Amino acid sequence: MEVTLAFGGDLLTHMPLVAAAGRYGATAGRPYDFGPMFAPLAPVIGDVDLALCHLEVPLVGDGQEITGYPAFHAPRELADAVDASGYDGCSTASNHSLDGGRPAITATLDAFDGLGLGHVGTARSAEEDLQPRLYDVAGARIAHLSYSYGFNGYPLPTDAPWAADLIDPARIEADAAAARAAGAQLVVVSVHWGTEYQSDPDGYQQELAGRLAFMADVDLVIGHHAHVVQPIERIGDTWVVFGLGNQLSNQSQPERRDGLTVVVTVGGPAGGPLDVRTIEAVPTWVDLATYEVLPAAETLDRGDLPLALRTELEGSIARTMEVVSRRGAAIPVRAWS
């Protein structure tokens, strides 16, 4: 059997981006509409069996105001767009997990539950935190785990130390084993790590990647946080995607407008363990004029593309694929029929 999975980069709702969602919402008759931003990516996300995003920011809690950097509270309509674009769930452990405290965590996870979206990395209870996030898809059971290096100085609540998951190798190993015991045929670990705006993995990433790669129950590692694309490397038998960059943000530097969605094909005997067979790259580019997330290679096929945008997309693909291959991985750009 074979199953395809997609993983996307950071979702960051800076206030200029929120304002654009407000303008889209005015047209659609609602407060905010992020749907047009994700729309170009929907055919990519919809082409796989399981698609998982990284929600770096919490949704606004009851009684809270929508805010941007440095402490984010995103409009709840963001979850609607995540769902409509075809995502099945998200990792939620990040350095911004505690920006809105427990009210924002509750609002985020309640919104996801209401839409039937999976989530992992933050929790409303100790019981929820210990429960493996499992997806039953295409005849396979996939587990997803999520952890962050820290929370920007916000301490975990003394009465809720389980509210967000910190990177702890012993904890990750135990959680992966628990997921396997719950029937997972593939265990994916999302980690929020690294040095911001640095395309090469730092020493901490390399050391932790080496540990994760040789854990018996970890099959695939997906990284976030640097806001730029980082390499893909096979360590032992385990693939490590060090960083997917930004999928949606208002950061204007070219390298921070570059993003990477990876499409991973896994396979194995029915009911048995699944192995990663292929990884393909879908370079993306945020068009700051519209905040559309453009799949770069596919968009280049449009005949009516303005020259300036064509040049930006070509440059984005070149930058992304140079970084992706720095550690020797032969990762192709995914071809779409």
Protein backbone atom coordinates (compact mmCIF):
# COMPACT_ATOMS: atom_id res chain seq x y z
CA MET A 1 0.00 0.00 0.00
CA GLU A 2 1.04 3.62 -0.52
CA VAL A 3 -0.07 6.80 1.24
CA THR A 4 0.82 10.39 0.34
CA LEU A 5 1.31 13.11 2.92
CA ALA A 6 1.96 16.85 2.64
CA PHE A 7 3.52 19.16 5.22
CA GLY A 8 3.45 22.96 5.03
CA GLY A 9 5.49 25.74 6.62
CA ASP A 10 4.75 28.34 9.28
CA LEU A 11 1.44 30.20 9.32
CA LEU A 12 2.07 33.68 10.75
CA THR A 13 -0.68 36.31 10.91
CA HIS A 14 1.10 39.66 11.00
CA MET A 15 -1.33 42.58 11.19
CA PRO A 16 -0.96 43.75 7.54
CA LEU A 17 -1.94 40.22 6.53
CA VAL A 18 -4.89 40.30 8.95
CA ALA A 19 -5.96 43.61 7.40
CA ALA A 20 -5.92 41.98 3.96
CA ALA A 21 -8.07 39.15 5.32
CA GLY A 22 -10.45 41.83 6.55
CA ARG A 23 -10.70 43.27 3.05
CA TYR A 24 -11.37 39.82 1.62
CA GLY A 25 -13.92 39.28 4.37
CA ALA A 26 -15.77 42.49 3.53
CA THR A 27 -16.33 41.13 0.04
CA ALA A 28 -17.44 37.75 1.39
CA GLY A 29 -19.71 39.23 4.05
CA ARG A 30 -17.70 38.08 7.06
CA PRO A 31 -15.16 39.71 9.41
CA TYR A 32 -12.13 37.96 7.93
CA ASP A 33 -11.49 35.63 5.03
CA PHE A 34 -8.11 33.98 4.61
CA GLY A 35 -9.45 31.63 1.94
CA PRO A 36 -8.13 33.56 -1.09
CA MET A 37 -4.63 33.38 0.38
CA PHE A 38 -4.68 29.59 0.50
CA ALA A 39 -6.70 29.08 -2.68
CA PRO A 40 -3.75 28.69 -5.11
CA LEU A 41 -2.31 25.99 -2.87
CA ALA A 42 -5.56 24.03 -2.51
CA PRO A 43 -4.95 21.76 -5.56
CA VAL A 44 -1.60 20.77 -4.06
CA ILE A 45 -3.02 20.04 -0.62
CA GLY A 46 -6.05 18.29 -2.06
CA ASP A 47 -3.91 15.91 -4.09
CA VAL A 48 -2.62 13.93 -1.08
CA ASP A 49 -4.16 11.53 1.41
CA LEU A 50 -3.14 13.46 4.53
CA ALA A 51 -2.11 17.13 4.71
CA LEU A 52 -0.72 18.73 7.87
CA CYS A 53 0.09 22.40 8.42
CA HIS A 54 2.01 24.20 11.16
CA LEU A 55 -0.13 26.74 13.00
CA GLU A 56 2.56 28.85 14.65
CA VAL A 57 0.12 31.29 16.25
CA PRO A 58 -2.88 30.66 18.51
CA LEU A 59 -6.33 31.85 17.60
CA VAL A 60 -7.82 34.67 19.62
CA GLY A 61 -9.39 33.59 22.91
CA ASP A 62 -12.58 34.85 24.48
CA GLY A 63 -12.16 38.45 25.61
CA GLN A 64 -8.84 38.86 23.80
CA GLU A 65 -7.93 41.22 20.97
CA ILE A 66 -6.54 40.17 17.61
CA THR A 67 -2.84 41.07 17.63
CA GLY A 68 0.31 40.47 15.61
CA TYR A 69 4.00 40.38 16.44
CA PRO A 70 5.37 39.93 19.07
CA ALA A 71 2.41 38.23 20.80
CA PHE A 72 -0.01 36.81 18.24
CA HIS A 73 -3.75 36.28 18.52
CA ALA A 74 -5.05 35.29 15.08
CA PRO A 75 -8.66 35.62 13.90
CA ARG A 76 -10.57 32.38 14.32
CA GLU A 77 -11.46 32.52 10.62
CA LEU A 78 -7.91 31.34 9.94
CA ALA A 79 -9.02 27.85 10.96
CA ASP A 80 -11.82 27.98 8.37
CA ALA A 81 -9.28 28.67 5.62
CA VAL A 82 -6.98 25.89 6.83
CA ASP A 83 -9.91 23.51 6.60
CA ALA A 84 -11.21 24.77 3.25
CA SER A 85 -7.78 24.50 1.64
CA GLY A 86 -7.72 20.76 2.35
CA TYR A 87 -5.59 20.42 5.44
CA ASP A 88 -6.54 17.61 7.80
CA GLY A 89 -4.79 19.03 10.86
CA CYS A 90 -1.85 21.03 12.17
CA SER A 91 1.01 20.92 14.61
CA THR A 92 0.54 23.70 17.20
CA ALA A 93 3.64 23.61 19.44
CA SER A 94 5.70 26.73 18.73
CA ASN A 95 7.44 29.59 20.47
CA HIS A 96 4.11 31.44 20.25
CA SER A 97 1.98 28.68 21.81
CA LEU A 98 1.56 30.60 25.07
CA ASP A 99 1.09 34.09 23.58
CA GLY A 100 -2.57 34.06 24.60
CA GLY A 101 -2.30 31.67 27.51
CA ARG A 102 -4.81 28.92 28.08
CA PRO A 103 -7.80 30.91 26.72
CA ALA A 104 -6.18 31.11 23.28
CA ILE A 105 -5.16 27.45 23.36
CA THR A 106 -8.74 26.51 24.20
CA ALA A 107 -10.15 28.72 21.44
CA THR A 108 -7.71 27.25 18.91
CA LEU A 109 -8.41 23.63 19.71
CA ASP A 110 -12.17 24.18 20.05
CA ALA A 111 -12.21 25.77 16.59
CA PHE A 112 -10.23 22.89 15.14
CA ASP A 113 -12.50 20.32 16.76
CA GLY A 114 -15.54 22.11 15.38
CA LEU A 115 -14.15 21.77 11.87
CA GLY A 116 -13.01 18.18 12.29
CA LEU A 117 -9.34 19.18 12.09
CA GLY A 118 -6.66 17.30 14.01
CA HIS A 119 -4.17 19.08 16.26
CA VAL A 120 -1.19 18.22 18.42
CA GLY A 121 1.38 20.13 20.46
CA THR A 122 -0.95 22.08 22.75
CA ALA A 123 -3.69 20.75 24.99
CA ARG A 124 -6.68 21.65 27.15
CA SER A 125 -6.08 18.89 29.69
CA ALA A 126 -3.43 16.47 30.85
CA GLU A 127 -5.46 13.63 29.36
CA GLU A 128 -5.57 15.31 25.96
CA ASP A 129 -1.82 15.96 26.06
CA LEU A 130 -1.09 12.26 26.61
CA GLN A 131 -3.45 11.06 23.90
CA PRO A 132 -1.61 10.22 20.66
CA ARG A 133 -2.81 12.16 17.61
CA LEU A 134 -3.70 9.46 15.13
CA TYR A 135 -5.06 9.83 11.61
CA ASP A 136 -6.73 6.89 9.90
CA VAL A 137 -6.36 7.56 6.20
CA ALA A 138 -6.23 5.44 3.04
CA GLY A 139 -6.16 2.24 5.09
CA ALA A 140 -3.22 3.37 7.22
CA ARG A 141 -2.77 4.80 10.71
CA ILE A 142 -0.44 7.81 10.94
CA ALA A 143 0.69 9.41 14.22
CA HIS A 144 1.69 13.06 14.52
CA LEU A 145 3.67 14.55 17.44
CA SER A 146 4.67 18.20 17.96
CA TYR A 147 7.16 20.00 20.25
CA SER A 148 8.82 23.42 20.60
CA TYR A 149 12.20 24.55 21.94
CA GLY A 150 10.50 27.18 24.15
CA PHE A 151 7.78 29.81 24.43
CA ASN A 152 9.46 33.23 24.15
CA GLY A 153 9.90 33.51 27.89
CA TYR A 154 6.31 32.68 28.79
CA PRO A 155 6.36 29.99 31.49
CA LEU A 156 4.09 27.00 31.30
CA PRO A 157 1.18 27.52 33.70
CA THR A 158 1.94 25.98 37.08
CA ASP A 159 -1.50 24.39 37.10
CA ALA A 160 -1.23 23.25 33.46
CA PRO A 161 2.34 22.17 32.63
CA TRP A 162 0.82 20.04 29.87
CA ALA A 163 -0.60 23.07 27.97
CA ALA A 164 2.20 23.05 25.38
CA ASP A 165 4.87 20.47 24.61
CA LEU A 166 8.57 21.26 25.02
CA ILE A 167 11.28 19.40 23.14
CA ASP A 168 12.52 16.66 25.44
CA PRO A 169 14.17 13.66 23.74
CA ALA A 170 13.07 11.25 26.47
CA ARG A 171 9.49 12.49 26.23
CA ILE A 172 9.52 12.30 22.43
CA GLU A 173 10.83 8.74 22.52
CA ALA A 174 8.15 7.72 25.01
CA ASP A 175 5.38 9.46 23.03
CA ALA A 176 6.51 7.81 19.80
CA ALA A 177 6.50 4.41 21.48
CA ALA A 178 3.00 5.08 22.84
CA ALA A 179 1.80 6.05 19.38
CA ARG A 180 3.25 2.86 17.95
CA ALA A 181 1.57 0.84 20.68
CA ALA A 182 -1.71 2.53 19.71
CA GLY A 183 -1.35 1.11 16.22
CA ALA A 184 0.56 3.79 14.34
CA GLN A 185 2.23 2.46 11.21
CA LEU A 186 4.15 5.72 10.72
CA VAL A 187 5.19 8.24 13.39
CA VAL A 188 5.87 11.83 12.29
CA VAL A 189 7.56 14.25 14.70
CA SER A 190 7.20 18.00 14.11
CA VAL A 191 9.81 20.12 15.89
CA HIS A 192 9.91 23.90 16.27
CA TRP A 193 13.64 24.55 16.44
CA GLY A 194 16.66 26.27 14.92
CA THR A 195 18.04 29.78 14.49
CA GLU A 196 15.72 32.28 12.86
CA TYR A 197 16.62 33.37 9.31
CA GLN A 198 19.53 30.90 9.10
CA SER A 199 19.17 28.42 6.26
CA ASP A 200 21.79 26.00 7.60
CA PRO A 201 20.78 23.87 10.60
CA ASP A 202 22.46 25.01 13.78
CA GLY A 203 24.34 22.77 16.19
CA TYR A 204 21.30 22.09 18.36
CA GLN A 205 19.24 21.01 15.37
CA GLN A 206 21.98 18.69 14.15
CA GLU A 207 22.46 17.13 17.58
CA LEU A 208 18.74 16.63 18.16
CA ALA A 209 18.17 15.37 14.62
CA GLY A 210 20.82 12.71 15.21
CA ARG A 211 19.01 11.58 18.35
CA LEU A 212 15.54 11.58 16.80
CA ALA A 213 16.69 9.76 13.67
CA PHE A 214 17.84 6.75 15.63
CA MET A 215 14.78 6.41 17.84
CA ALA A 216 13.13 3.12 16.98
CA ASP A 217 9.62 4.55 16.68
CA VAL A 218 10.35 7.84 14.87
CA ASP A 219 9.95 7.56 11.09
CA LEU A 220 10.00 11.15 9.82
CA VAL A 221 11.07 14.52 11.27
CA ILE A 222 9.53 17.78 10.05
CA GLY A 223 11.02 21.11 11.18
CA HIS A 224 9.72 24.66 11.51
CA HIS A 225 10.59 28.04 13.06
CA ALA A 226 13.58 29.47 11.12
CA HIS A 227 11.26 31.33 8.68
CA VAL A 228 13.57 30.33 5.84
CA VAL A 229 13.84 27.02 4.03
CA GLN A 230 16.42 24.60 5.41
CA PRO A 231 17.91 21.38 3.95
CA ILE A 232 16.50 17.88 3.79
CA GLU A 233 18.78 15.08 4.90
CA ARG A 234 18.60 11.35 5.42
CA ILE A 235 20.21 10.41 8.73
CA GLY A 236 20.54 6.67 9.03
CA ASP A 237 17.19 5.41 7.75
CA THR A 238 15.23 8.48 8.83
CA TRP A 239 14.46 11.53 6.70
CA VAL A 240 14.80 14.90 8.39
CA VAL A 241 13.22 17.99 6.82
CA PHE A 242 15.05 20.64 8.83
CA GLY A 243 12.82 23.59 7.96
CA LEU A 244 9.90 24.42 5.67
CA GLY A 245 10.17 28.20 5.94
CA ASN A 246 7.06 30.39 5.94
CA GLN A 247 3.94 29.29 4.18
CA LEU A 248 1.99 32.46 4.99
CA SER A 249 3.42 35.64 6.52
CA ASN A 250 4.07 39.33 5.93
CA GLN A 251 7.86 39.00 6.10
CA SER A 252 9.19 40.81 3.04
CA GLN A 253 12.75 39.55 2.52
CA PRO A 254 12.86 37.20 -0.50
CA GLU A 255 14.17 34.23 1.50
CA ARG A 256 11.32 34.67 3.99
CA ARG A 257 8.72 34.76 1.23
CA ASP A 258 10.07 31.43 0.00
CA GLY A 259 8.33 28.40 1.45
CA LEU A 260 8.47 24.67 1.03
CA THR A 261 5.67 22.16 1.08
CA VAL A 262 6.92 18.59 0.97
CA VAL A 263 4.93 15.69 -0.44
CA VAL A 264 6.01 12.41 1.13
CA THR A 265 5.04 9.01 -0.20
CA VAL A 266 5.15 6.18 2.31
CA GLY A 267 4.48 2.53 1.73
CA GLY A 268 4.57 -0.94 3.13
CA PRO A 269 2.48 -4.04 3.67
CA ALA A 270 -1.16 -3.55 4.63
CA GLY A 271 -1.36 -3.28 8.38
CA GLY A 272 2.43 -3.24 8.75
CA PRO A 273 5.00 -0.50 9.28
CA LEU A 274 5.30 2.19 6.61
CA ASP A 275 8.58 3.52 5.24
CA VAL A 276 9.31 6.78 3.47
CA ARG A 277 9.72 5.99 -0.23
CA THR A 278 9.94 9.42 -1.84
CA ILE A 279 10.03 13.08 -0.86
CA GLU A 280 9.13 15.76 -3.39
CA ALA A 281 9.38 19.53 -3.08
CA VAL A 282 6.68 22.08 -3.81
CA PRO A 283 8.39 25.48 -3.55
CA THR A 284 5.94 28.24 -2.63
CA TRP A 285 6.06 32.03 -2.73
CA VAL A 286 3.97 34.59 -0.85
CA ASP A 287 2.73 37.33 -3.17
CA LEU A 288 2.62 40.31 -0.81
CA ALA A 289 0.29 42.19 -3.16
CA THR A 290 -2.46 39.67 -2.42
CA TYR A 291 -0.96 37.37 0.26
CA GLU A 292 -1.69 34.44 -2.01
CA VAL A 293 0.50 31.39 -1.37
CA LEU A 294 1.62 30.47 -4.86
CA PRO A 295 2.98 27.02 -5.75
CA ALA A 296 5.91 28.44 -7.68
CA ALA A 297 6.53 25.84 -10.39
CA GLU A 298 2.85 25.34 -11.16
CA THR A 299 2.21 29.08 -11.29
CA LEU A 300 5.00 29.50 -13.83
CA ASP A 301 2.92 27.46 -16.28
CA ARG A 302 0.39 30.28 -16.51
CA GLY A 303 0.64 32.07 -19.83
CA ASP A 304 -0.58 35.42 -18.51
CA LEU A 305 2.03 35.77 -15.78
CA PRO A 306 3.55 39.28 -15.43
CA LEU A 307 7.29 39.33 -16.08
CA ALA A 308 8.12 40.67 -12.61
CA LEU A 309 6.21 37.87 -10.89
CA ARG A 310 7.74 35.27 -13.21
CA THR A 311 11.20 36.50 -12.28
CA GLU A 312 10.37 36.35 -8.56
CA LEU A 313 9.04 32.80 -8.84
CA GLU A 314 12.05 31.58 -10.80
CA GLY A 315 14.37 33.09 -8.21
CA SER A 316 12.36 31.56 -5.39
CA ILE A 317 12.54 28.06 -6.86
CA ALA A 318 16.29 28.39 -7.43
CA ARG A 319 16.92 29.56 -3.85
CA THR A 320 14.69 26.91 -2.31
CA MET A 321 16.08 23.96 -4.23
CA GLU A 322 19.70 25.05 -3.63
CA VAL A 323 19.06 25.00 0.11
CA VAL A 324 17.06 21.77 0.06
CA SER A 325 19.91 19.88 -1.63
CA ARG A 326 22.81 21.26 0.47
CA ARG A 327 23.18 18.02 2.40
CA GLY A 328 23.18 15.78 -0.62
CA ALA A 329 19.51 14.89 -0.83
CA ALA A 330 18.27 14.41 -4.40
CA ILE A 331 14.82 15.91 -3.88
CA PRO A 332 12.86 16.64 -7.08
CA VAL A 333 10.32 19.37 -7.63
CA ARG A 334 6.93 17.68 -7.70
CA ALA A 335 5.41 17.55 -11.16
CA TRP A 336 1.67 18.14 -11.47
CA SER A 337 -0.40 16.68 -14.26
